[in-house]
Amino acid sequence: MKTAGLCISVLLSLNCLPLSAAPVNTESPITIESGGYQNGDVTFQPAIPLQNQEVAFLVQVHNRGSSDTDTLTVVLQGKDGGSVLDETTTKIAANASSLVRLKWKPTVNGWQTLQVRVLDKNRTELLIKTVTIPVVARPVYFAWATKLPTAEHDKKLKYVNIIQVWKPTWEENLQWLEYWERRGVRPVQWKQGYFASMNAEQYKQYLKEGYDKRTMPDSKSIWIDEIGGYSDYDHPVAEWTTDHLFTESIKGLVQFNQENPTTWTGVWIFRPLLPSFSQLAKSRNRTNGVDLLLCETYVNYKVTSQHNYDPYVFFDYDIDTARRQNVIYNTLLTLGTGNLEKYVVTTPGLEEQVRHIRTNAPEIPGIGFFTSSERDEIVEFCDDLCRKYWIEPVLNVWGRDILFSSFNPRAGEEIRITASIFNIGGMDAKDIQVAFYQDDPRYGGKQIGEIHRLPVVSPSHGWSDGRVDVVQTWKSEKGNHDIFVTATTEEGHVTLLNTSASKSVYVQ
């Protein structure tokens, strides 16, 4: 197509890596403006695609010229001219736009590179756009609650897929709800968790207010801030697990979920995660109830207010309760990002909190943040922790999973050592090397046998997700020994969480 005065621009943006574009026909008036993932003129729904589930690929095409276009074809295909995944046609009036919708079903996980091509009516290529996005093998949830002055700050987030929209007027809320939906993010409306003056019926009606005014009913989503308020926690600890906690607001929430099963609901819990709260949530065995429990394990607030020497006691209590109540796959721990008078939030401190969660609760499917800080480096660092510890492969070895065929071997006896290598991340981990040692290899421990090579450890492997067992024979030597197992890889984009573990054995 070569029409004087015609300028078509396709503004592409993703919630992941920056995009690149190259004109194919240099004489064509078609241009591409790459403004980063904030613009939202090309987006995926959902924001973080899941392997083997259909993804909607939206492209907003603008005709900034003074003439109407002939038929244009927008094509989605694999990297470097790979197979065509989907295509559609459109015509655009002068100074107008057209939103085209393409479909894609990723069959593998990992960082996937695709191309968007725009063709004229003769299928002459006018431009190519290359995009790279993450595809995960299991669902991940990254929740952001913000009270920052401007929602523009939130647009810098790459990996958010659940976000609070909290603006002064309904009209402003609706604009932001629509913006995040275009990016494939679930926008949720904030709801207060406790009204002393409301009974269950009144509270149920309050939860229904607002979201049902939407024009997009499939996107109804709310989350509730600290349901039950603080009054329940004035009671003795012995009463925390009793039905006394089912206040009128909680009863109203139960009724709301029963009557509105398609509405996504989340509950933020500031105090300890109680069994009674856990019973509100969905689980792998319960299909009704709250979709997500968000435990406010804010080290910056709780350590300072309670003068705690162990910052992770709150993490461990909630993890243990969620696991025992079978809701750990529907639970997120949430971190605070704001400085306090006696506590400064740092990037190493935040990463150590995340490492603690991943080591002690590998089942937890994501993380939440209360974004009370305007420091870009903190917000961007938290965003990248989502990629590093949930989206990409995460290798881990636990000493508890090192097993011996005999726990009381005699010197010279040949026994089998079994070690489990875990990938608790969202993508396949490749080219893994596993080694066994008699005693600590850092201090002269001897390697046992040859290095085992695992071509891939998928998040779907094993009876426990992302697990591959490796067996090594060992001719035992008399005395006390620590058997070490290490897992390493030279493959990029793999997070090494704890990749060396040991277990003691006494050889008679």
Protein backbone atom coordinates (compact mmCIF):
# COMPACT_ATOMS: atom_id res chain seq x y z
CA MET A 1 0.00 0.00 0.00
CA LYS A 2 1.34 3.40 -0.95
CA THR A 3 -1.14 6.19 -0.36
CA ALA A 4 -0.13 9.81 0.02
CA GLY A 5 -0.94 11.28 3.39
CA LEU A 6 -1.75 7.90 4.98
CA CYS A 7 -0.04 6.98 8.24
CA ILE A 8 -0.96 3.86 10.16
CA SER A 9 0.72 3.23 13.48
CA VAL A 10 0.45 0.14 15.61
CA LEU A 11 1.33 0.98 19.21
CA LEU A 12 2.39 -2.23 20.85
CA SER A 13 2.94 -2.87 24.50
CA LEU A 14 3.21 -5.87 26.76
CA ASN A 15 3.42 -6.47 30.48
CA CYS A 16 6.82 -8.11 30.10
CA LEU A 17 9.96 -7.46 28.07
CA PRO A 18 10.31 -4.38 25.82
CA LEU A 19 9.26 -4.82 22.23
CA SER A 20 11.32 -4.34 19.11
CA ALA A 21 10.11 -3.31 15.69
CA ALA A 22 11.60 -2.96 12.24
CA PRO A 23 9.99 -1.49 9.13
CA VAL A 24 9.86 -3.89 6.20
CA ASN A 25 8.75 -1.51 3.47
CA THR A 26 10.73 1.68 3.97
CA GLU A 27 8.56 3.52 1.43
CA SER A 28 5.39 2.72 3.34
CA PRO A 29 3.89 5.44 5.54
CA ILE A 30 3.21 2.84 8.23
CA THR A 31 5.04 3.43 11.48
CA ILE A 32 5.35 1.64 14.81
CA GLU A 33 5.69 3.48 18.08
CA SER A 34 7.10 1.36 20.92
CA GLY A 35 6.25 2.97 24.22
CA GLY A 36 6.83 0.02 26.55
CA TYR A 37 4.29 -2.14 28.29
CA GLN A 38 2.40 0.81 29.82
CA ASN A 39 0.52 1.91 26.69
CA GLY A 40 -1.66 -1.14 26.37
CA ASP A 41 -2.26 -1.02 22.60
CA VAL A 42 -1.14 -4.63 22.29
CA THR A 43 -1.82 -6.86 25.27
CA PHE A 44 -2.33 -10.43 26.33
CA GLN A 45 -5.24 -11.70 28.32
CA PRO A 46 -4.32 -13.12 30.79
CA ALA A 47 -1.28 -11.03 31.63
CA ILE A 48 0.85 -14.11 32.32
CA PRO A 49 -0.22 -16.85 29.88
CA LEU A 50 -0.61 -20.41 31.08
CA GLN A 51 0.63 -23.33 29.02
CA ASN A 52 -2.13 -25.12 27.04
CA GLN A 53 -4.73 -22.44 27.75
CA GLU A 54 -6.03 -20.03 25.12
CA VAL A 55 -4.69 -16.49 25.18
CA ALA A 56 -6.35 -13.44 23.64
CA PHE A 57 -3.87 -11.23 21.80
CA LEU A 58 -5.26 -7.71 21.31
CA VAL A 59 -3.82 -5.22 18.81
CA GLN A 60 -5.08 -1.65 18.61
CA VAL A 61 -4.34 -0.36 15.09
CA HIS A 62 -4.47 3.39 14.45
CA ASN A 63 -4.87 5.15 11.13
CA ARG A 64 -3.42 8.61 11.65
CA GLY A 65 -3.65 9.50 7.99
CA SER A 66 -6.28 11.51 6.10
CA SER A 67 -7.53 8.61 3.95
CA ASP A 68 -9.35 5.38 4.76
CA THR A 69 -7.28 2.23 4.46
CA ASP A 70 -7.78 -0.68 2.16
CA THR A 71 -8.01 -4.08 3.82
CA LEU A 72 -5.15 -4.73 6.20
CA THR A 73 -4.20 -8.17 7.54
CA VAL A 74 -2.73 -8.51 11.03
CA VAL A 75 -0.85 -11.79 11.52
CA LEU A 76 0.43 -13.45 14.68
CA GLN A 77 3.17 -15.99 14.04
CA GLY A 78 6.12 -17.75 15.58
CA LYS A 79 9.64 -16.38 15.86
CA ASP A 80 11.63 -15.61 12.69
CA GLY A 81 8.79 -16.24 10.29
CA GLY A 82 7.51 -19.36 12.04
CA SER A 83 4.09 -20.89 11.56
CA VAL A 84 1.07 -18.59 11.48
CA LEU A 85 -0.83 -18.82 14.76
CA ASP A 86 -3.77 -16.61 13.83
CA GLU A 87 -4.66 -13.71 11.55
CA THR A 88 -7.50 -11.29 10.94
CA THR A 89 -8.38 -8.41 8.62
CA THR A 90 -9.54 -4.88 9.26
CA LYS A 91 -10.28 -1.59 7.54
CA ILE A 92 -9.74 1.68 9.33
CA ALA A 93 -11.24 5.06 8.58
CA ALA A 94 -9.07 8.15 8.49
CA ASN A 95 -7.99 9.33 11.94
CA ALA A 96 -9.60 6.30 13.56
CA SER A 97 -8.59 3.07 15.27
CA SER A 98 -9.48 -0.58 15.08
CA LEU A 99 -9.05 -3.18 17.81
CA VAL A 100 -8.26 -6.60 16.35
CA ARG A 101 -8.34 -9.79 18.37
CA LEU A 102 -6.08 -12.76 17.72
CA LYS A 103 -5.94 -16.12 19.49
CA TRP A 104 -2.97 -18.17 20.63
CA LYS A 105 -2.65 -21.39 22.59
CA PRO A 106 0.94 -21.86 23.82
CA THR A 107 1.83 -25.56 23.95
CA VAL A 108 5.14 -25.08 25.78
CA ASN A 109 6.22 -22.92 28.68
CA GLY A 110 9.17 -20.55 28.89
CA TRP A 111 10.01 -17.20 27.34
CA GLN A 112 8.20 -17.26 23.99
CA THR A 113 9.06 -14.93 21.10
CA LEU A 114 6.30 -14.10 18.61
CA GLN A 115 5.94 -11.72 15.69
CA VAL A 116 3.13 -9.40 14.68
CA ARG A 117 3.02 -8.65 10.96
CA VAL A 118 0.85 -6.11 9.16
CA LEU A 119 0.15 -6.81 5.47
CA ASP A 120 -1.55 -4.74 2.79
CA LYS A 121 -4.36 -6.01 0.53
CA ASN A 122 -1.80 -7.75 -1.70
CA ARG A 123 -0.27 -9.40 1.42
CA THR A 124 2.84 -7.34 0.99
CA GLU A 125 4.58 -7.08 4.34
CA LEU A 126 4.53 -3.55 5.69
CA LEU A 127 5.99 -4.03 9.17
CA ILE A 128 7.10 -6.64 11.68
CA LYS A 129 6.92 -6.42 15.45
CA THR A 130 8.78 -8.89 17.70
CA VAL A 131 7.47 -9.58 21.20
CA THR A 132 8.78 -11.81 24.00
CA ILE A 133 6.47 -12.96 26.79
CA PRO A 134 6.56 -15.45 29.69
CA VAL A 135 4.43 -18.60 29.55
CA VAL A 136 4.13 -20.57 32.79
CA ALA A 137 3.23 -24.19 33.48
CA ARG A 138 1.17 -23.43 36.60
CA PRO A 139 -0.92 -20.47 37.75
CA VAL A 140 0.83 -17.57 39.47
CA TYR A 141 -0.72 -14.65 41.33
CA PHE A 142 0.94 -11.29 41.94
CA ALA A 143 -1.32 -8.98 43.92
CA TRP A 144 -0.72 -5.26 44.44
CA ALA A 145 -2.62 -3.10 46.91
CA THR A 146 -1.66 0.52 46.54
CA LYS A 147 -2.46 3.79 48.22
CA LEU A 148 -0.04 5.82 46.15
CA PRO A 149 -1.25 9.23 44.95
CA THR A 150 -1.32 8.30 41.27
CA ALA A 151 -2.15 5.10 39.46
CA GLU A 152 0.38 6.08 36.79
CA HIS A 153 2.99 4.74 39.19
CA ASP A 154 1.38 1.30 38.99
CA LYS A 155 1.75 1.20 35.21
CA LYS A 156 5.46 0.57 35.69
CA LEU A 157 4.69 -2.92 36.97
CA LYS A 158 5.45 -5.67 34.45
CA TYR A 159 4.26 -8.80 36.22
CA VAL A 160 1.22 -7.65 38.18
CA ASN A 161 -1.90 -9.71 37.45
CA ILE A 162 -4.18 -8.66 40.33
CA ILE A 163 -4.34 -4.98 41.30
CA GLN A 164 -6.48 -2.74 43.43
CA VAL A 165 -8.21 0.16 41.71
CA TRP A 166 -9.01 2.88 44.20
CA LYS A 167 -9.90 6.28 42.77
CA PRO A 168 -12.09 9.09 44.14
CA THR A 169 -14.98 8.71 41.68
CA TRP A 170 -16.73 5.80 40.01
CA GLU A 171 -15.93 7.22 36.57
CA GLU A 172 -12.19 7.27 37.34
CA ASN A 173 -12.41 3.76 38.74
CA LEU A 174 -14.08 2.53 35.58
CA GLN A 175 -11.29 4.01 33.41
CA TRP A 176 -8.62 2.19 35.41
CA LEU A 177 -10.62 -1.02 35.52
CA GLU A 178 -10.79 -0.99 31.73
CA TYR A 179 -7.09 -0.13 31.41
CA TRP A 180 -5.99 -3.08 33.53
CA GLU A 181 -8.41 -5.44 31.81
CA ARG A 182 -6.85 -4.56 28.46
CA ARG A 183 -3.50 -5.56 29.94
CA GLY A 184 -4.93 -8.89 31.05
CA VAL A 185 -4.74 -7.91 34.73
CA ARG A 186 -7.57 -8.60 37.16
CA PRO A 187 -8.60 -5.21 38.58
CA VAL A 188 -10.30 -5.49 41.95
CA GLN A 189 -12.39 -3.03 43.89
CA TRP A 190 -11.58 -2.37 47.53
CA LYS A 191 -14.21 -3.23 50.12
CA GLN A 192 -14.17 -2.51 53.83
CA GLY A 193 -14.11 -5.63 55.96
CA TYR A 194 -16.10 -4.60 58.98
CA PHE A 195 -19.10 -2.45 59.89
CA ALA A 196 -20.21 -2.71 63.51
CA SER A 197 -23.66 -1.41 62.58
CA MET A 198 -24.35 -3.94 59.79
CA ASN A 199 -25.94 -7.33 60.07
CA ALA A 200 -25.12 -10.15 57.63
CA GLU A 201 -27.81 -9.21 55.10
CA GLN A 202 -26.74 -5.57 55.06
CA TYR A 203 -23.10 -6.49 54.65
CA LYS A 204 -23.90 -8.84 51.78
CA GLN A 205 -25.69 -6.00 50.00
CA TYR A 206 -22.72 -3.70 50.62
CA LEU A 207 -20.40 -6.21 48.92
CA LYS A 208 -22.66 -6.18 45.86
CA GLU A 209 -22.56 -2.40 45.51
CA GLY A 210 -20.46 -0.99 42.70
CA TYR A 211 -19.18 -3.97 40.79
CA ASP A 212 -22.59 -4.86 39.33
CA LYS A 213 -22.74 -1.41 37.66
CA ARG A 214 -20.00 -2.57 35.34
CA THR A 215 -20.60 -3.11 31.63
CA MET A 216 -18.23 -6.12 31.63
CA PRO A 217 -19.87 -8.64 33.99
CA ASP A 218 -17.27 -11.36 33.41
CA SER A 219 -14.69 -9.21 35.20
CA LYS A 220 -16.43 -8.78 38.55
CA SER A 221 -13.73 -8.81 41.21
CA ILE A 222 -13.51 -7.45 44.75
CA TRP A 223 -11.20 -7.86 47.69
CA ILE A 224 -12.01 -7.18 51.28
CA ASP A 225 -9.69 -5.38 53.68
CA GLU A 226 -9.28 -7.04 57.08
CA ILE A 227 -12.68 -8.66 57.34
CA GLY A 228 -13.99 -8.81 60.89
CA GLY A 229 -12.03 -5.71 61.84
CA TYR A 230 -9.86 -5.84 64.94
CA SER A 231 -12.49 -6.32 67.60
CA ASP A 232 -12.37 -10.12 67.46
CA TYR A 233 -8.74 -10.11 68.47
CA ASP A 234 -9.53 -8.52 71.82
CA HIS A 235 -10.66 -11.96 72.90
CA PRO A 236 -8.30 -14.49 74.52
CA VAL A 237 -6.10 -16.53 72.23
CA ALA A 238 -7.97 -19.65 73.30
CA GLU A 239 -11.08 -18.31 71.52
CA TRP A 240 -9.35 -17.56 68.21
CA THR A 241 -10.27 -20.91 66.69
CA THR A 242 -13.90 -20.88 67.78
CA ASP A 243 -16.96 -19.95 65.76
CA HIS A 244 -17.08 -16.73 67.72
CA LEU A 245 -14.98 -15.27 64.91
CA PHE A 246 -17.84 -15.67 62.46
CA THR A 247 -19.11 -12.15 62.91
CA GLU A 248 -21.99 -10.66 60.95
CA SER A 249 -19.58 -9.46 58.27
CA ILE A 250 -18.17 -12.95 57.80
CA LYS A 251 -21.66 -14.42 57.62
CA GLY A 252 -22.50 -11.79 55.01
CA LEU A 253 -19.44 -12.76 52.98
CA VAL A 254 -20.43 -16.43 53.06
CA GLN A 255 -23.90 -15.54 51.79
CA PHE A 256 -22.42 -13.26 49.13
CA ASN A 257 -20.17 -16.04 47.80
CA GLN A 258 -23.06 -18.49 47.73
CA GLU A 259 -25.26 -16.11 45.76
CA ASN A 260 -22.48 -14.76 43.48
CA PRO A 261 -20.28 -17.78 42.65
CA THR A 262 -18.76 -16.13 39.53
CA THR A 263 -17.53 -13.07 41.42
CA TRP A 264 -13.82 -13.30 42.25
CA THR A 265 -13.17 -12.45 45.91
CA GLY A 266 -10.03 -12.01 47.96
CA VAL A 267 -9.68 -11.37 51.69
CA TRP A 268 -6.78 -9.51 53.33
CA ILE A 269 -6.00 -10.77 56.84
CA PHE A 270 -3.79 -8.63 59.07
CA ARG A 271 -3.78 -10.80 62.17
CA PRO A 272 -2.79 -14.50 62.22
CA LEU A 273 -4.47 -16.77 59.68
CA LEU A 274 -7.02 -18.58 61.82
CA PRO A 275 -8.57 -21.93 60.96
CA SER A 276 -11.99 -20.26 60.90
CA PHE A 277 -10.78 -17.79 58.25
CA SER A 278 -9.22 -20.65 56.30
CA GLN A 279 -12.59 -22.33 56.13
CA LEU A 280 -13.89 -19.39 54.12
CA ALA A 281 -11.56 -20.13 51.22
CA LYS A 282 -11.65 -22.45 48.26
CA SER A 283 -9.17 -25.31 48.24
CA ARG A 284 -8.27 -28.25 46.05
CA ASN A 285 -11.17 -30.09 47.69
CA ARG A 286 -13.62 -27.21 48.12
CA THR A 287 -15.02 -25.32 45.13
CA ASN A 288 -17.06 -22.70 47.00
CA GLY A 289 -15.83 -19.69 48.90
CA VAL A 290 -13.18 -16.99 48.78
CA ASP A 291 -10.74 -17.32 45.86
CA LEU A 292 -7.63 -16.01 47.61
CA LEU A 293 -6.52 -15.36 51.18
CA LEU A 294 -3.90 -12.61 51.45
CA CYS A 295 -1.99 -12.75 54.72
CA GLU A 296 -0.47 -9.39 55.66
CA THR A 297 2.93 -10.57 56.90
CA TYR A 298 4.41 -7.08 56.95
CA VAL A 299 7.80 -7.34 58.60
CA ASN A 300 8.25 -3.56 58.58
CA TYR A 301 5.06 -3.07 60.63
CA LYS A 302 5.01 -6.17 62.80
CA VAL A 303 8.66 -6.26 63.85
CA THR A 304 8.57 -2.65 64.94
CA SER A 305 5.22 -2.82 66.73
CA GLN A 306 5.95 -6.06 68.57
CA HIS A 307 9.73 -5.70 68.97
CA ASN A 308 10.21 -9.15 67.47
CA TYR A 309 13.65 -10.70 67.12
CA ASP A 310 12.34 -13.30 64.67
CA PRO A 311 10.87 -11.48 61.66
CA TYR A 312 9.61 -14.71 60.13
CA VAL A 313 7.47 -16.00 62.98
CA PHE A 314 4.40 -14.51 61.28
CA PHE A 315 5.32 -16.13 57.97
CA ASP A 316 5.76 -19.56 59.55
CA TYR A 317 2.50 -19.45 61.51
CA ASP A 318 0.43 -18.54 58.44
CA ILE A 319 2.24 -21.10 56.27
CA ASP A 320 1.63 -23.85 58.79
CA THR A 321 -2.04 -22.95 59.23
CA ALA A 322 -2.66 -22.69 55.48
CA ARG A 323 -1.04 -26.07 54.88
CA ARG A 324 -2.90 -27.83 57.71
CA GLN A 325 -6.20 -26.30 56.57
CA ASN A 326 -5.53 -27.33 52.95
CA VAL A 327 -5.77 -23.77 51.56
CA ILE A 328 -2.08 -23.14 50.89
CA TYR A 329 -2.66 -23.18 47.12
CA ASN A 330 -5.20 -20.40 47.66
CA THR A 331 -3.05 -18.31 50.01
CA LEU A 332 -0.54 -15.52 49.40
CA LEU A 333 1.79 -13.94 51.91
CA THR A 334 2.04 -10.19 51.38
CA LEU A 335 4.97 -7.86 52.05
CA GLY A 336 5.12 -4.18 52.98
CA THR A 337 7.33 -1.83 50.97
CA GLY A 338 7.24 1.38 53.01
CA ASN A 339 9.83 2.80 55.42
CA LEU A 340 8.86 3.40 59.02
CA GLU A 341 10.55 5.56 61.64
CA LYS A 342 12.57 2.65 63.01
CA TYR A 343 12.57 0.34 60.00
CA VAL A 344 14.02 0.94 56.54
CA VAL A 345 12.89 -1.38 53.75
CA THR A 346 15.84 -2.61 51.67
CA THR A 347 16.08 -4.76 48.56
CA PRO A 348 18.19 -7.47 50.30
CA GLY A 349 15.66 -7.62 53.12
CA LEU A 350 12.75 -8.03 50.72
CA GLU A 351 14.52 -10.74 48.74
CA GLU A 352 15.37 -12.66 51.91
CA GLN A 353 11.67 -12.60 52.85
CA VAL A 354 10.78 -14.03 49.45
CA ARG A 355 13.47 -16.71 49.74
CA HIS A 356 12.07 -17.71 53.12
CA ILE A 357 8.59 -18.07 51.63
CA ARG A 358 9.80 -20.11 48.66
CA THR A 359 11.93 -22.40 50.83
CA ASN A 360 9.29 -23.04 53.47
CA ALA A 361 6.13 -22.84 51.37
CA PRO A 362 6.87 -23.93 47.78
CA GLU A 363 3.14 -24.52 47.24
CA ILE A 364 2.24 -20.83 47.64
CA PRO A 365 1.43 -19.68 44.08
CA GLY A 366 2.63 -16.09 44.23
CA ILE A 367 3.04 -13.05 46.41
CA GLY A 368 1.31 -9.79 47.30
CA PHE A 369 2.62 -6.32 48.05
CA PHE A 370 1.21 -3.39 49.96
CA THR A 371 2.80 -0.62 47.93
CA SER A 372 3.13 2.17 50.43
CA SER A 373 6.45 3.32 48.99
CA GLU A 374 6.97 5.67 46.05
CA ARG A 375 10.61 4.67 45.65
CA ASP A 376 10.86 3.39 42.11
CA GLU A 377 13.78 1.10 42.90
CA ILE A 378 11.76 -0.70 45.59
CA VAL A 379 8.63 -1.09 43.47
CA GLU A 380 10.59 -2.27 40.43
CA PHE A 381 12.66 -4.64 42.57
CA CYS A 382 9.52 -6.20 44.06
CA ASP A 383 8.10 -6.57 40.57
CA ASP A 384 11.23 -8.40 39.44
CA LEU A 385 11.07 -10.74 42.44
CA CYS A 386 7.86 -12.09 40.88
CA ARG A 387 9.78 -13.04 37.75
CA LYS A 388 12.78 -14.43 39.56
CA TYR A 389 11.04 -16.60 42.16
CA TRP A 390 7.77 -17.67 40.52
CA ILE A 391 7.73 -17.15 36.75
CA GLU A 392 11.13 -18.53 35.79
CA PRO A 393 12.52 -21.93 36.89
CA VAL A 394 13.47 -22.18 40.58
CA LEU A 395 15.71 -25.08 41.65
CA ASN A 396 15.67 -26.36 45.21
CA VAL A 397 16.96 -29.38 47.17
CA TRP A 398 15.77 -30.25 50.67
CA GLY A 399 17.80 -32.43 53.04
CA ARG A 400 14.59 -34.05 54.27
CA ASP A 401 14.19 -35.67 50.85
CA ILE A 402 17.59 -37.42 50.87
CA LEU A 403 16.83 -41.06 51.60
CA PHE A 404 19.04 -44.10 52.28
CA SER A 405 18.09 -47.69 51.45
CA SER A 406 19.56 -48.58 54.84
CA PHE A 407 19.66 -46.19 57.79
CA ASN A 408 22.04 -48.44 59.75
CA PRO A 409 24.54 -49.58 57.11
CA ARG A 410 27.70 -51.52 57.86
CA ALA A 411 31.11 -50.52 56.51
CA GLY A 412 31.53 -51.73 52.93
CA GLU A 413 27.81 -52.23 52.41
CA GLU A 414 26.52 -50.80 49.13
CA ILE A 415 23.43 -48.72 49.67
CA ARG A 416 21.22 -46.55 47.46
CA ILE A 417 20.92 -42.82 48.06
CA THR A 418 17.84 -41.13 46.60
CA ALA A 419 17.64 -37.35 46.29
CA SER A 420 14.74 -35.26 45.01
CA ILE A 421 15.47 -32.28 42.77
CA PHE A 422 12.67 -29.75 42.71
CA ASN A 423 11.75 -27.06 40.20
CA ILE A 424 9.18 -24.97 42.07
CA GLY A 425 9.10 -22.18 39.46
CA GLY A 426 6.78 -21.67 36.51
CA MET A 427 9.00 -22.75 33.59
CA ASP A 428 11.03 -25.82 32.67
CA ALA A 429 14.53 -25.98 34.15
CA LYS A 430 17.00 -27.45 31.67
CA ASP A 431 20.46 -29.02 31.69
CA ILE A 432 20.63 -29.76 35.42
CA GLN A 433 23.74 -31.43 36.88
CA VAL A 434 23.31 -33.37 40.12
CA ALA A 435 26.29 -34.54 42.21
CA PHE A 436 26.54 -36.63 45.41
CA TYR A 437 29.33 -36.25 47.97
CA GLN A 438 30.54 -38.08 51.03
CA ASP A 439 30.94 -35.13 53.43
CA ASP A 440 31.03 -31.44 52.62
CA PRO A 441 32.61 -30.83 49.18
CA ARG A 442 33.76 -27.38 50.34
CA TYR A 443 36.10 -29.03 52.83
CA GLY A 444 37.45 -32.00 50.94
CA GLY A 445 34.36 -34.19 50.71
CA LYS A 446 34.66 -36.95 48.10
CA GLN A 447 32.34 -37.11 45.08
CA ILE A 448 30.27 -40.29 44.93
CA GLY A 449 29.89 -41.71 41.43
CA GLU A 450 29.44 -39.63 38.29
CA ILE A 451 27.50 -36.44 37.78
CA HIS A 452 23.85 -37.09 36.90
CA ARG A 453 22.47 -34.98 34.05
CA LEU A 454 18.79 -34.08 33.86
CA PRO A 455 17.81 -32.65 30.44
CA VAL A 456 14.71 -31.02 31.91
CA VAL A 457 12.85 -30.72 35.21
CA SER A 458 9.33 -29.56 34.42
CA PRO A 459 6.96 -27.96 36.96
CA SER A 460 4.58 -30.81 36.14
CA HIS A 461 7.04 -33.65 36.84
CA GLY A 462 6.57 -36.07 39.71
CA TRP A 463 3.90 -36.92 42.25
CA SER A 464 4.83 -33.68 43.96
CA ASP A 465 4.83 -31.00 41.24
CA GLY A 466 8.25 -30.25 39.75
CA ARG A 467 10.02 -33.22 41.33
CA VAL A 468 12.57 -35.61 39.81
CA ASP A 469 14.24 -38.31 41.91
CA VAL A 470 17.90 -39.22 41.33
CA VAL A 471 19.45 -42.45 42.65
CA GLN A 472 23.14 -43.00 43.41
CA THR A 473 24.83 -46.12 44.85
CA TRP A 474 27.44 -45.68 47.59
CA LYS A 475 29.88 -48.15 49.14
CA SER A 476 29.67 -46.90 52.70
CA GLU A 477 32.71 -46.16 54.85
CA LYS A 478 32.81 -46.54 58.62
CA GLY A 479 32.01 -43.53 60.77
CA ASN A 480 29.65 -40.54 60.79
CA HIS A 481 29.14 -38.95 57.40
CA ASP A 482 27.12 -36.15 55.91
CA ILE A 483 25.85 -37.02 52.45
CA PHE A 484 25.65 -33.87 50.34
CA VAL A 485 23.61 -33.42 47.16
CA THR A 486 24.10 -30.42 44.86
CA ALA A 487 22.14 -29.31 41.80
CA THR A 488 23.55 -26.75 39.37
CA THR A 489 22.94 -25.47 35.87
CA GLU A 490 24.61 -23.12 33.44
CA GLU A 491 21.31 -22.40 31.76
CA GLY A 492 20.25 -18.74 32.02
CA HIS A 493 17.01 -17.58 33.64
CA VAL A 494 17.12 -20.20 36.41
CA THR A 495 16.96 -19.16 40.05
CA LEU A 496 19.09 -21.29 42.35
CA LEU A 497 17.21 -21.18 45.65
CA ASN A 498 18.85 -23.77 47.92
CA THR A 499 20.74 -26.17 45.70
CA SER A 500 22.94 -27.93 48.25
CA ALA A 501 21.51 -30.10 51.01
CA SER A 502 22.75 -32.86 53.29
CA LYS A 503 21.67 -35.63 55.62
CA SER A 504 23.74 -37.47 58.22
CA VAL A 505 24.26 -41.19 58.35
CA TYR A 506 26.24 -43.40 60.76
CA VAL A 507 28.06 -46.37 59.24
CA GLN A 508 28.87 -49.17 61.72
